[in-house]
Amino acid sequence: MGWYKDWFGTRYYALLYGHRDEEDAARWVRSILQRWSPAPGSALLDLACGRGRHARYFMEAGLSVTGVDLSPQSIAEARRSVPGARFLVHDMRVPLDLGGFDLVTCLFTSMGYSLDPEDDRAVFRTVAGSLRPGGRFVLDFMNSSLVLDRLVTEEVVLRDNVRFHISRAVVDGVIIKRITVEDGAESHLFEERVRALMPEDLERMATDAGLVVEDRTNGPDLRPFDASRSERFVLWTRSKDPDRC
């Protein structure tokens, strides 16, 4: 299962990344809805949905939302927080048998966790197989080249009297983040490993899966992607539509 099995469902993960708040999620959803204008009732699949912070706003916008995540703890919280959506514990590398979706989202750097590139290619195949003809898929990933250039090797973060000592290194193209948590008398060690996938890697996997690349932007503000300045790489794609030239 990898490092994420022991990390994502913990309260420390939620505490460390809690600054990515509800307003951030709302901005992402507004941007996606603005760009694609889905009809009310459109079916949306939220891959690596976490605790459902994006799913909430998609549902409030009138979409029919399904969220999947590997973490049972995150799915349990999502079900409590967004009872009107459907949430499943599921590995997004594995094909879904849930019918066709009009939209698929994968937000907040939720790929590159495995050393095997085939795992990421499998996600794109899952997406392509889940979309209806002409359906849309948006992927949000870090701008790996900028992250590598500006890598912060050591930092300390304090959240609610919990101390996170974070160290970062790059080994064979993998960004390794080691997180030591000091919570009173308790101490815990967690790790994140993400392959520094480049935009061209992600685009190639998308097209190999049969998706059509429509655009590349920086985060939810929809500005064009700039490899030297953008903090995020957002890939906008669609499935092929036989009725569309």
Protein backbone atom coordinates (compact mmCIF):
# COMPACT_ATOMS: atom_id res chain seq x y z
CA MET A 1 0.00 0.00 0.00
CA GLY A 2 2.94 2.40 0.56
CA TRP A 3 3.66 5.27 2.95
CA TYR A 4 0.26 6.90 2.42
CA LYS A 5 -1.56 4.04 4.14
CA ASP A 6 -0.20 5.10 7.53
CA TRP A 7 -0.21 8.86 7.02
CA PHE A 8 -3.29 10.16 5.23
CA GLY A 9 -5.88 8.98 7.75
CA THR A 10 -4.15 10.48 10.79
CA ARG A 11 -5.21 13.61 12.60
CA TYR A 12 -1.66 14.89 12.16
CA TYR A 13 -2.06 14.90 8.38
CA ALA A 14 -5.25 16.92 8.72
CA LEU A 15 -3.56 19.25 11.19
CA LEU A 16 -0.46 19.85 9.05
CA TYR A 17 -2.38 20.54 5.86
CA GLY A 18 -5.36 22.23 7.45
CA HIS A 19 -4.32 25.61 6.02
CA ARG A 20 -5.62 24.34 2.71
CA ASP A 21 -8.99 25.44 3.91
CA GLU A 22 -12.57 25.52 2.77
CA GLU A 23 -12.06 28.72 0.78
CA ASP A 24 -9.25 27.07 -1.19
CA ALA A 25 -11.55 24.16 -2.02
CA ALA A 26 -14.34 26.56 -2.98
CA ARG A 27 -11.98 28.44 -5.35
CA TRP A 28 -11.05 25.19 -7.10
CA VAL A 29 -14.67 24.22 -7.55
CA ARG A 30 -15.67 27.67 -8.81
CA SER A 31 -12.88 27.57 -11.39
CA ILE A 32 -13.81 24.12 -12.65
CA LEU A 33 -17.48 25.01 -12.89
CA GLN A 34 -16.66 28.30 -14.61
CA ARG A 35 -14.50 26.57 -17.18
CA TRP A 36 -16.79 23.67 -18.03
CA SER A 37 -20.31 24.80 -17.02
CA PRO A 38 -21.67 21.29 -16.35
CA ALA A 39 -25.42 20.83 -16.43
CA PRO A 40 -27.23 20.32 -13.10
CA GLY A 41 -27.14 16.67 -12.13
CA SER A 42 -23.93 15.94 -14.05
CA ALA A 43 -22.03 12.98 -12.60
CA LEU A 44 -18.66 13.86 -11.08
CA LEU A 45 -15.98 11.49 -9.81
CA ASP A 46 -13.51 12.97 -7.29
CA LEU A 47 -10.36 10.81 -7.20
CA ALA A 48 -8.32 10.84 -3.98
CA CYS A 49 -11.15 12.84 -2.46
CA GLY A 50 -9.76 12.85 1.07
CA ARG A 51 -12.22 14.16 3.61
CA GLY A 52 -14.54 15.54 0.96
CA ARG A 53 -13.67 19.23 1.05
CA HIS A 54 -14.08 19.64 -2.74
CA ALA A 55 -16.99 17.20 -2.95
CA ARG A 56 -19.05 19.42 -0.67
CA TYR A 57 -18.97 22.38 -3.06
CA PHE A 58 -19.53 20.27 -6.16
CA MET A 59 -22.62 18.81 -4.53
CA GLU A 60 -23.86 22.24 -3.45
CA ALA A 61 -23.52 23.31 -7.11
CA GLY A 62 -26.03 20.62 -8.07
CA LEU A 63 -23.71 17.85 -9.29
CA SER A 64 -24.08 14.16 -8.48
CA VAL A 65 -20.82 13.44 -6.65
CA THR A 66 -18.90 10.22 -6.06
CA GLY A 67 -15.62 10.38 -4.14
CA VAL A 68 -13.04 7.62 -3.77
CA ASP A 69 -9.98 7.43 -1.55
CA LEU A 70 -7.65 4.77 -0.15
CA SER A 71 -8.02 5.96 3.43
CA PRO A 72 -10.97 4.44 5.33
CA GLN A 73 -10.61 7.18 7.96
CA SER A 74 -10.86 9.94 5.35
CA ILE A 75 -13.85 8.30 3.69
CA ALA A 76 -15.61 7.92 7.04
CA GLU A 77 -15.13 11.64 7.73
CA ALA A 78 -16.26 12.57 4.21
CA ARG A 79 -19.46 10.59 4.69
CA ARG A 80 -20.17 12.47 7.92
CA SER A 81 -19.33 15.87 6.43
CA VAL A 82 -21.05 15.49 3.05
CA PRO A 83 -23.91 13.02 3.55
CA GLY A 84 -25.49 13.81 0.18
CA ALA A 85 -22.54 12.44 -1.82
CA ARG A 86 -21.40 8.85 -2.35
CA PHE A 87 -17.99 7.93 -0.93
CA LEU A 88 -16.09 4.68 -1.43
CA VAL A 89 -12.81 3.26 -0.16
CA HIS A 90 -11.14 2.49 -3.47
CA ASP A 91 -7.72 2.44 -5.12
CA MET A 92 -7.93 4.80 -8.09
CA ARG A 93 -5.48 2.64 -10.04
CA VAL A 94 -8.18 -0.02 -10.21
CA PRO A 95 -10.97 0.40 -12.82
CA LEU A 96 -14.35 1.44 -11.47
CA ASP A 97 -17.62 -0.24 -12.39
CA LEU A 98 -19.93 2.65 -11.55
CA GLY A 99 -21.16 3.78 -14.95
CA GLY A 100 -20.02 6.80 -16.91
CA PHE A 101 -19.07 10.19 -15.46
CA ASP A 102 -19.32 13.61 -17.05
CA LEU A 103 -16.43 14.99 -15.01
CA VAL A 104 -13.45 13.51 -13.15
CA THR A 105 -11.17 15.50 -10.85
CA CYS A 106 -7.86 14.64 -9.19
CA LEU A 107 -6.71 17.57 -7.06
CA PHE A 108 -3.82 18.31 -4.67
CA THR A 109 -0.91 16.22 -6.06
CA SER A 110 -2.47 12.80 -5.70
CA MET A 111 -0.27 10.93 -8.19
CA GLY A 112 3.39 9.97 -8.28
CA TYR A 113 3.24 8.13 -4.98
CA SER A 114 4.62 4.87 -6.39
CA LEU A 115 8.08 4.22 -7.79
CA ASP A 116 6.45 2.28 -10.62
CA PRO A 117 5.33 4.59 -13.48
CA GLU A 118 2.78 1.95 -14.44
CA ASP A 119 0.75 2.89 -11.37
CA ASP A 120 0.28 6.43 -12.66
CA ARG A 121 -0.53 5.21 -16.15
CA ALA A 122 -3.17 2.97 -14.57
CA VAL A 123 -4.84 6.04 -13.01
CA PHE A 124 -5.15 7.68 -16.42
CA ARG A 125 -6.62 4.48 -17.84
CA THR A 126 -9.13 4.43 -14.98
CA VAL A 127 -10.09 8.01 -15.82
CA ALA A 128 -10.43 7.31 -19.54
CA GLY A 129 -12.58 4.27 -18.81
CA SER A 130 -14.78 6.20 -16.38
CA LEU A 131 -15.62 9.15 -18.62
CA ARG A 132 -18.55 9.35 -20.98
CA PRO A 133 -17.70 10.41 -24.55
CA GLY A 134 -16.68 14.06 -24.42
CA GLY A 135 -16.38 13.99 -20.61
CA ARG A 136 -13.76 16.15 -18.89
CA PHE A 137 -10.85 15.36 -16.57
CA VAL A 138 -8.78 17.90 -14.62
CA LEU A 139 -5.54 16.97 -12.86
CA ASP A 140 -3.84 19.27 -10.34
CA PHE A 141 -0.17 18.51 -9.69
CA MET A 142 2.80 20.42 -8.33
CA ASN A 143 5.09 22.21 -10.78
CA SER A 144 7.91 19.79 -10.17
CA SER A 145 10.68 21.84 -11.76
CA LEU A 146 9.87 24.84 -9.54
CA VAL A 147 9.59 22.63 -6.45
CA LEU A 148 13.02 21.14 -7.15
CA ASP A 149 14.56 24.57 -7.71
CA ARG A 150 13.12 25.98 -4.47
CA LEU A 151 13.29 22.89 -2.27
CA VAL A 152 13.25 23.77 1.43
CA THR A 153 15.42 21.10 3.04
CA GLU A 154 14.48 21.79 6.68
CA GLU A 155 11.62 23.56 8.42
CA VAL A 156 9.59 23.48 11.62
CA VAL A 157 5.81 23.99 11.63
CA LEU A 158 3.70 24.51 14.77
CA ARG A 159 0.01 23.68 14.69
CA ASP A 160 -2.14 23.62 17.85
CA ASN A 161 0.88 22.96 20.09
CA VAL A 162 2.03 20.10 17.87
CA ARG A 163 5.54 20.48 16.44
CA PHE A 164 6.28 19.17 12.93
CA HIS A 165 9.94 18.93 11.99
CA ILE A 166 10.07 18.46 8.21
CA SER A 167 13.11 17.49 6.18
CA ARG A 168 13.17 17.16 2.40
CA ALA A 169 15.54 15.52 -0.05
CA VAL A 170 15.51 14.37 -3.66
CA VAL A 171 16.67 10.83 -4.41
CA ASP A 172 16.53 9.45 -7.95
CA GLY A 173 13.83 11.88 -8.97
CA VAL A 174 11.69 11.25 -5.89
CA ILE A 175 10.96 14.05 -3.42
CA ILE A 176 11.17 12.52 0.04
CA LYS A 177 9.63 14.40 2.94
CA ARG A 178 10.28 13.07 6.44
CA ILE A 179 7.95 14.42 9.10
CA THR A 180 8.74 14.07 12.79
CA VAL A 181 5.74 14.89 14.95
CA GLU A 182 6.19 15.94 18.57
CA ASP A 183 2.87 16.00 20.41
CA GLY A 184 3.54 16.45 24.12
CA ALA A 185 5.30 13.29 25.27
CA GLU A 186 4.46 11.49 22.03
CA SER A 187 6.70 11.34 18.99
CA HIS A 188 5.80 9.95 15.57
CA LEU A 189 7.65 9.65 12.27
CA PHE A 190 5.89 9.78 8.91
CA GLU A 191 7.14 9.99 5.37
CA GLU A 192 5.89 11.23 2.02
CA ARG A 193 7.39 10.15 -1.30
CA VAL A 194 6.31 11.75 -4.55
CA ARG A 195 7.95 11.34 -7.94
CA ALA A 196 8.79 14.68 -9.50
CA LEU A 197 6.62 14.12 -12.54
CA MET A 198 7.08 16.79 -15.17
CA PRO A 199 4.27 18.32 -17.25
CA GLU A 200 5.40 16.42 -20.32
CA ASP A 201 5.24 13.14 -18.34
CA LEU A 202 1.66 13.80 -17.29
CA GLU A 203 0.60 14.92 -20.75
CA ARG A 204 2.11 11.82 -22.32
CA MET A 205 0.29 9.54 -19.90
CA ALA A 206 -2.96 11.37 -20.61
CA THR A 207 -2.66 11.05 -24.38
CA ASP A 208 -1.46 7.43 -24.14
CA ALA A 209 -4.70 6.69 -22.24
CA GLY A 210 -6.71 8.20 -25.09
CA LEU A 211 -7.46 11.60 -23.54
CA VAL A 212 -7.27 14.86 -25.46
CA VAL A 213 -5.31 17.71 -23.83
CA GLU A 214 -7.26 20.98 -23.92
CA ASP A 215 -5.21 23.34 -21.75
CA ARG A 216 -2.60 23.80 -19.03
CA THR A 217 -3.00 26.36 -16.24
CA ASN A 218 -1.58 27.43 -12.90
CA GLY A 219 -3.80 26.47 -9.99
CA PRO A 220 -7.43 27.50 -9.66
CA ASP A 221 -6.83 31.02 -11.03
CA LEU A 222 -6.84 29.71 -14.64
CA ARG A 223 -3.76 31.67 -15.68
CA PRO A 224 -1.68 29.96 -18.39
CA PHE A 225 0.94 27.58 -17.03
CA ASP A 226 4.44 29.07 -16.83
CA ALA A 227 7.11 26.45 -16.13
CA SER A 228 9.41 29.01 -14.48
CA ARG A 229 6.80 30.67 -12.24
CA SER A 230 3.64 28.60 -11.76
CA GLU A 231 3.37 26.81 -8.43
CA ARG A 232 0.88 24.29 -9.82
CA PHE A 233 0.52 22.41 -13.08
CA VAL A 234 -3.14 21.88 -13.93
CA LEU A 235 -3.93 19.66 -16.92
CA TRP A 236 -7.35 20.02 -18.54
CA THR A 237 -8.37 17.10 -20.76
CA ARG A 238 -11.41 15.44 -22.29
CA SER A 239 -12.30 12.00 -23.52
CA LYS A 240 -12.71 11.52 -27.23
CA ASP A 241 -16.19 12.09 -28.58
CA PRO A 242 -16.97 10.20 -31.81
CA ASP A 243 -19.46 12.91 -32.76
CA ARG A 244 -16.90 15.68 -32.35
CA CYS A 245 -14.40 16.57 -35.06
